[in-house]
Amino acid sequence: MDVAAGVMILLADAWAITRTVRSDADTKTKWMWIAIVLLLPFVGMVLWILFGPS
């Protein structure tokens, strides 16, 4: 069960990073969101969903 949850979080983070890189946000904002998602995997993903670049 723990491994499955970890894999799901990893896939969700990869998806968020991919969406961030492809967004129209400026480079500084993109790097900030990538750092947040990488440093805070679960919390960063939730923050990205709520406030991240569209």
Protein backbone atom coordinates (compact mmCIF):
# COMPACT_ATOMS: atom_id res chain seq x y z
CA MET A 1 0.00 0.00 0.00
CA ASP A 2 2.79 2.45 0.84
CA VAL A 3 4.60 1.80 -2.43
CA ALA A 4 1.41 2.39 -4.43
CA ALA A 5 0.81 5.72 -2.70
CA GLY A 6 4.40 6.76 -3.35
CA VAL A 7 4.14 5.88 -7.03
CA MET A 8 0.88 7.82 -7.32
CA ILE A 9 2.44 10.90 -5.73
CA LEU A 10 5.49 10.56 -8.00
CA LEU A 11 3.30 10.37 -11.11
CA ALA A 12 1.17 13.31 -9.96
CA ASP A 13 4.30 15.38 -9.33
CA ALA A 14 5.70 14.49 -12.77
CA TRP A 15 2.38 15.53 -14.31
CA ALA A 16 2.42 18.86 -12.41
CA ILE A 17 6.00 19.58 -13.48
CA THR A 18 5.20 18.78 -17.10
CA ARG A 19 2.14 21.04 -17.04
CA THR A 20 4.18 23.81 -15.41
CA VAL A 21 6.95 23.63 -18.02
CA ARG A 22 4.35 23.80 -20.81
CA SER A 23 2.46 26.72 -19.24
CA ASP A 24 2.64 30.32 -20.40
CA ALA A 25 4.09 31.50 -17.07
CA ASP A 26 7.42 33.30 -17.01
CA THR A 27 10.58 31.27 -16.39
CA LYS A 28 11.05 32.45 -12.80
CA THR A 29 7.51 31.35 -11.87
CA LYS A 30 8.01 27.99 -13.55
CA TRP A 31 11.20 27.31 -11.58
CA MET A 32 9.50 28.36 -8.35
CA TRP A 33 6.62 25.90 -8.87
CA ILE A 34 8.96 23.09 -9.91
CA ALA A 35 10.99 23.63 -6.72
CA ILE A 36 7.87 23.63 -4.56
CA VAL A 37 6.56 20.41 -6.11
CA LEU A 38 9.95 18.69 -5.79
CA LEU A 39 10.73 19.83 -2.24
CA LEU A 40 7.22 19.25 -0.86
CA PRO A 41 5.89 16.33 -2.92
CA PHE A 42 2.35 15.98 -1.54
CA VAL A 43 1.80 19.49 -0.17
CA GLY A 44 3.45 21.03 -3.24
CA MET A 45 1.08 19.13 -5.52
CA VAL A 46 -1.94 20.36 -3.57
CA LEU A 47 -0.64 23.94 -3.65
CA TRP A 48 0.04 23.62 -7.38
CA ILE A 49 -3.53 22.44 -8.01
CA LEU A 50 -4.94 25.36 -6.01
CA PHE A 51 -2.62 28.20 -7.04
CA GLY A 52 -0.30 27.02 -9.84
CA PRO A 53 0.03 28.47 -13.32
CA SER A 54 -2.70 27.58 -15.76
